[in-house]
Amino acid sequence: KEKIYIEAGLQKLKVQFFPSVANFYLLYLPKGLDFTEYLLKEGILVRNCYNFYGLDGNYIRVSLKKRKENQKFLRELKAWLEGSL
C-alpha cells in the first residue's frame, strides 16, 4: 500500500523517480544536495547519491516508511519544490 501511495504522491508532484521492487526509490531532483540538507533540518534522513557511480548530487534515495512518515516526506517535498522553483 505504501509503494502505491508514494508513487502516486511523486507523480502528482511531477518528480522523476525510478521504479523499484525494493523498499526504496531513487529520485532525481535538481539541487538534490540542498533538499537533503533541508530534510535533515526537518528531522528526515535520506541518502544523497552524489558518490554513487554514474550519479551526482541531483539524485537521492528514499526509503518507504509507515504512512505517517511517508506523508511527512511528501509534504516536505511539496513545500521545498514550491519554495525552490
N, C-alpha and C. Protein backbone atom coordinates (compact mmCIF):
# COMPACT_ATOMS: atom_id res chain seq x y z
N LYS A 1 0.81 -1.20 0.00
CA LYS A 1 0.00 0.00 0.00
C LYS A 1 0.85 1.26 0.00
N GLU A 2 1.96 1.22 0.71
CA GLU A 2 2.80 2.42 0.80
C GLU A 2 3.53 2.71 -0.52
N LYS A 3 3.90 1.67 -1.26
CA LYS A 3 4.54 1.90 -2.56
C LYS A 3 3.57 2.63 -3.48
N ILE A 4 2.32 2.22 -3.50
CA ILE A 4 1.32 2.86 -4.34
C ILE A 4 1.12 4.31 -3.89
N TYR A 5 1.07 4.52 -2.59
CA TYR A 5 0.88 5.86 -2.03
C TYR A 5 2.03 6.79 -2.42
N ILE A 6 3.27 6.33 -2.21
CA ILE A 6 4.44 7.15 -2.53
C ILE A 6 4.52 7.43 -4.02
N GLU A 7 4.32 6.42 -4.85
CA GLU A 7 4.39 6.62 -6.30
C GLU A 7 3.34 7.62 -6.76
N ALA A 8 2.14 7.53 -6.24
CA ALA A 8 1.08 8.49 -6.60
C ALA A 8 1.47 9.90 -6.18
N GLY A 9 2.04 10.03 -4.98
CA GLY A 9 2.47 11.33 -4.50
C GLY A 9 3.58 11.93 -5.34
N LEU A 10 4.54 11.12 -5.72
CA LEU A 10 5.65 11.60 -6.56
C LEU A 10 5.15 11.99 -7.94
N GLN A 11 4.25 11.21 -8.49
CA GLN A 11 3.68 11.54 -9.80
C GLN A 11 2.90 12.84 -9.74
N LYS A 12 2.13 13.02 -8.69
CA LYS A 12 1.35 14.24 -8.53
C LYS A 12 2.26 15.47 -8.45
N LEU A 13 3.41 15.32 -7.81
CA LEU A 13 4.37 16.42 -7.68
C LEU A 13 5.28 16.54 -8.89
N LYS A 14 5.11 15.62 -9.84
CA LYS A 14 5.90 15.61 -11.08
C LYS A 14 7.40 15.46 -10.80
N VAL A 15 7.72 14.58 -9.85
CA VAL A 15 9.10 14.28 -9.51
C VAL A 15 9.51 13.03 -10.26
N GLN A 16 10.66 13.10 -10.91
CA GLN A 16 11.16 11.93 -11.64
C GLN A 16 11.70 10.90 -10.65
N PHE A 17 11.20 9.68 -10.76
CA PHE A 17 11.69 8.59 -9.91
C PHE A 17 11.84 7.34 -10.76
N PHE A 18 12.63 6.43 -10.26
CA PHE A 18 12.87 5.19 -10.97
C PHE A 18 12.09 4.08 -10.29
N PRO A 19 11.33 3.29 -11.04
CA PRO A 19 10.54 2.20 -10.45
C PRO A 19 11.44 1.27 -9.64
N SER A 20 10.86 0.70 -8.61
CA SER A 20 11.63 -0.14 -7.71
C SER A 20 10.80 -1.31 -7.21
N VAL A 21 11.45 -2.44 -7.03
CA VAL A 21 10.79 -3.58 -6.39
C VAL A 21 11.23 -3.68 -4.93
N ALA A 22 12.20 -2.85 -4.56
CA ALA A 22 12.69 -2.81 -3.18
C ALA A 22 11.88 -1.80 -2.38
N ASN A 23 12.28 -1.56 -1.15
CA ASN A 23 11.54 -0.63 -0.29
C ASN A 23 12.13 0.78 -0.33
N PHE A 24 12.78 1.13 -1.42
CA PHE A 24 13.28 2.49 -1.57
C PHE A 24 13.18 2.92 -3.03
N TYR A 25 13.28 4.24 -3.23
CA TYR A 25 13.19 4.83 -4.57
C TYR A 25 14.37 5.75 -4.80
N LEU A 26 14.80 5.80 -6.04
CA LEU A 26 15.81 6.75 -6.48
C LEU A 26 15.07 7.89 -7.16
N LEU A 27 15.28 9.10 -6.65
CA LEU A 27 14.62 10.28 -7.19
C LEU A 27 15.64 11.19 -7.84
N TYR A 28 15.22 11.89 -8.87
CA TYR A 28 16.04 12.94 -9.47
C TYR A 28 15.43 14.28 -9.10
N LEU A 29 16.22 15.10 -8.42
CA LEU A 29 15.77 16.43 -8.01
C LEU A 29 16.88 17.43 -8.29
N PRO A 30 16.64 18.42 -9.15
CA PRO A 30 17.64 19.48 -9.27
C PRO A 30 17.89 20.07 -7.88
N LYS A 31 19.13 20.32 -7.59
CA LYS A 31 19.53 20.82 -6.26
C LYS A 31 19.25 19.79 -5.17
N GLY A 32 19.50 18.53 -5.47
CA GLY A 32 19.26 17.45 -4.53
C GLY A 32 20.03 17.58 -3.23
N LEU A 33 21.26 18.12 -3.31
CA LEU A 33 22.04 18.32 -2.09
C LEU A 33 21.36 19.31 -1.17
N ASP A 34 20.80 20.38 -1.74
CA ASP A 34 20.06 21.36 -0.94
C ASP A 34 18.85 20.72 -0.28
N PHE A 35 18.16 19.85 -1.01
CA PHE A 35 16.98 19.18 -0.47
C PHE A 35 17.37 18.25 0.67
N THR A 36 18.49 17.56 0.51
CA THR A 36 18.96 16.66 1.57
C THR A 36 19.19 17.45 2.86
N GLU A 37 19.83 18.60 2.75
CA GLU A 37 20.08 19.45 3.92
C GLU A 37 18.78 19.98 4.51
N TYR A 38 17.86 20.38 3.65
CA TYR A 38 16.55 20.87 4.09
C TYR A 38 15.84 19.79 4.90
N LEU A 39 15.81 18.57 4.38
CA LEU A 39 15.12 17.48 5.08
C LEU A 39 15.76 17.17 6.42
N LEU A 40 17.08 17.23 6.47
CA LEU A 40 17.76 16.94 7.73
C LEU A 40 17.31 17.91 8.82
N LYS A 41 17.12 19.18 8.46
CA LYS A 41 16.62 20.16 9.42
C LYS A 41 15.20 19.86 9.87
N GLU A 42 14.45 19.15 9.02
CA GLU A 42 13.07 18.77 9.34
C GLU A 42 12.99 17.40 10.03
N GLY A 43 14.15 16.80 10.31
CA GLY A 43 14.19 15.52 11.00
C GLY A 43 13.99 14.32 10.09
N ILE A 44 14.22 14.49 8.79
CA ILE A 44 14.06 13.40 7.83
C ILE A 44 15.42 13.11 7.21
N LEU A 45 15.84 11.86 7.26
CA LEU A 45 17.13 11.46 6.72
C LEU A 45 16.93 10.70 5.42
N VAL A 46 17.55 11.17 4.35
CA VAL A 46 17.55 10.49 3.06
C VAL A 46 19.00 10.31 2.64
N ARG A 47 19.22 9.47 1.65
CA ARG A 47 20.58 9.20 1.17
C ARG A 47 20.83 9.98 -0.11
N ASN A 48 21.77 10.92 -0.06
CA ASN A 48 22.15 11.58 -1.29
C ASN A 48 23.10 10.67 -2.03
N CYS A 49 22.97 10.60 -3.34
CA CYS A 49 23.72 9.64 -4.15
C CYS A 49 24.86 10.29 -4.93
N TYR A 50 25.38 11.40 -4.45
CA TYR A 50 26.44 12.11 -5.16
C TYR A 50 27.68 11.24 -5.37
N ASN A 51 27.91 10.27 -4.49
CA ASN A 51 29.10 9.43 -4.63
C ASN A 51 28.79 8.05 -5.21
N PHE A 52 27.61 7.86 -5.77
CA PHE A 52 27.28 6.62 -6.47
C PHE A 52 27.83 6.73 -7.89
N TYR A 53 28.38 5.67 -8.38
CA TYR A 53 28.93 5.66 -9.73
C TYR A 53 27.86 6.06 -10.74
N GLY A 54 28.15 7.06 -11.56
CA GLY A 54 27.24 7.49 -12.61
C GLY A 54 26.16 8.47 -12.18
N LEU A 55 26.10 8.77 -10.88
CA LEU A 55 25.10 9.72 -10.39
C LEU A 55 25.80 10.96 -9.86
N ASP A 56 25.00 11.95 -9.51
CA ASP A 56 25.56 13.18 -8.94
C ASP A 56 24.66 13.65 -7.81
N GLY A 57 24.88 14.86 -7.34
CA GLY A 57 24.14 15.40 -6.21
C GLY A 57 22.68 15.68 -6.46
N ASN A 58 22.22 15.45 -7.68
CA ASN A 58 20.80 15.64 -8.00
C ASN A 58 19.96 14.39 -7.75
N TYR A 59 20.58 13.32 -7.32
CA TYR A 59 19.87 12.06 -7.07
C TYR A 59 19.86 11.77 -5.58
N ILE A 60 18.70 11.37 -5.09
CA ILE A 60 18.58 10.95 -3.70
C ILE A 60 17.84 9.62 -3.64
N ARG A 61 18.09 8.88 -2.56
CA ARG A 61 17.39 7.62 -2.35
C ARG A 61 16.55 7.76 -1.08
N VAL A 62 15.30 7.41 -1.19
CA VAL A 62 14.39 7.48 -0.05
C VAL A 62 13.80 6.11 0.23
N SER A 63 13.65 5.79 1.48
CA SER A 63 13.07 4.52 1.90
C SER A 63 11.60 4.68 2.22
N LEU A 64 10.85 3.64 1.98
CA LEU A 64 9.45 3.63 2.38
C LEU A 64 9.38 3.45 3.89
N LYS A 65 8.47 4.13 4.49
CA LYS A 65 8.24 4.02 5.93
C LYS A 65 6.75 3.78 6.15
N LYS A 66 6.30 4.05 7.35
CA LYS A 66 4.87 3.95 7.64
C LYS A 66 4.16 5.17 7.06
N ARG A 67 2.84 5.10 6.98
CA ARG A 67 2.06 6.16 6.33
C ARG A 67 2.37 7.54 6.89
N LYS A 68 2.44 7.66 8.20
CA LYS A 68 2.67 8.96 8.83
C LYS A 68 3.99 9.58 8.35
N GLU A 69 5.06 8.79 8.32
CA GLU A 69 6.36 9.28 7.87
C GLU A 69 6.35 9.59 6.38
N ASN A 70 5.68 8.75 5.60
CA ASN A 70 5.60 8.98 4.15
C ASN A 70 4.81 10.26 3.85
N GLN A 71 3.77 10.51 4.62
CA GLN A 71 3.01 11.75 4.44
C GLN A 71 3.89 12.95 4.74
N LYS A 72 4.66 12.87 5.81
CA LYS A 72 5.55 13.97 6.17
C LYS A 72 6.57 14.21 5.06
N PHE A 73 7.15 13.14 4.53
CA PHE A 73 8.13 13.29 3.45
C PHE A 73 7.50 13.99 2.25
N LEU A 74 6.34 13.54 1.81
CA LEU A 74 5.69 14.14 0.65
C LEU A 74 5.30 15.59 0.91
N ARG A 75 4.88 15.88 2.13
CA ARG A 75 4.51 17.25 2.49
C ARG A 75 5.75 18.16 2.43
N GLU A 76 6.88 17.69 2.95
CA GLU A 76 8.11 18.48 2.93
C GLU A 76 8.65 18.60 1.51
N LEU A 77 8.51 17.55 0.71
CA LEU A 77 8.94 17.62 -0.69
C LEU A 77 8.12 18.67 -1.43
N LYS A 78 6.83 18.67 -1.22
CA LYS A 78 5.96 19.65 -1.88
C LYS A 78 6.35 21.07 -1.45
N ALA A 79 6.55 21.28 -0.16
CA ALA A 79 6.92 22.61 0.34
C ALA A 79 8.25 23.06 -0.25
N TRP A 80 9.21 22.15 -0.33
CA TRP A 80 10.52 22.51 -0.88
C TRP A 80 10.42 22.83 -2.37
N LEU A 81 9.68 22.03 -3.10
CA LEU A 81 9.53 22.28 -4.54
C LEU A 81 8.85 23.63 -4.78
N GLU A 82 7.84 23.94 -4.01
CA GLU A 82 7.13 25.21 -4.19
C GLU A 82 8.01 26.40 -3.81
N GLY A 83 8.91 26.20 -2.86
CA GLY A 83 9.78 27.28 -2.42
C GLY A 83 11.04 27.43 -3.24
N SER A 84 11.45 26.37 -3.93
CA SER A 84 12.74 26.43 -4.62
C SER A 84 12.64 26.59 -6.13
N LEU A 85 11.44 26.47 -6.67
CA LEU A 85 11.31 26.57 -8.13
C LEU A 85 10.94 27.97 -8.56
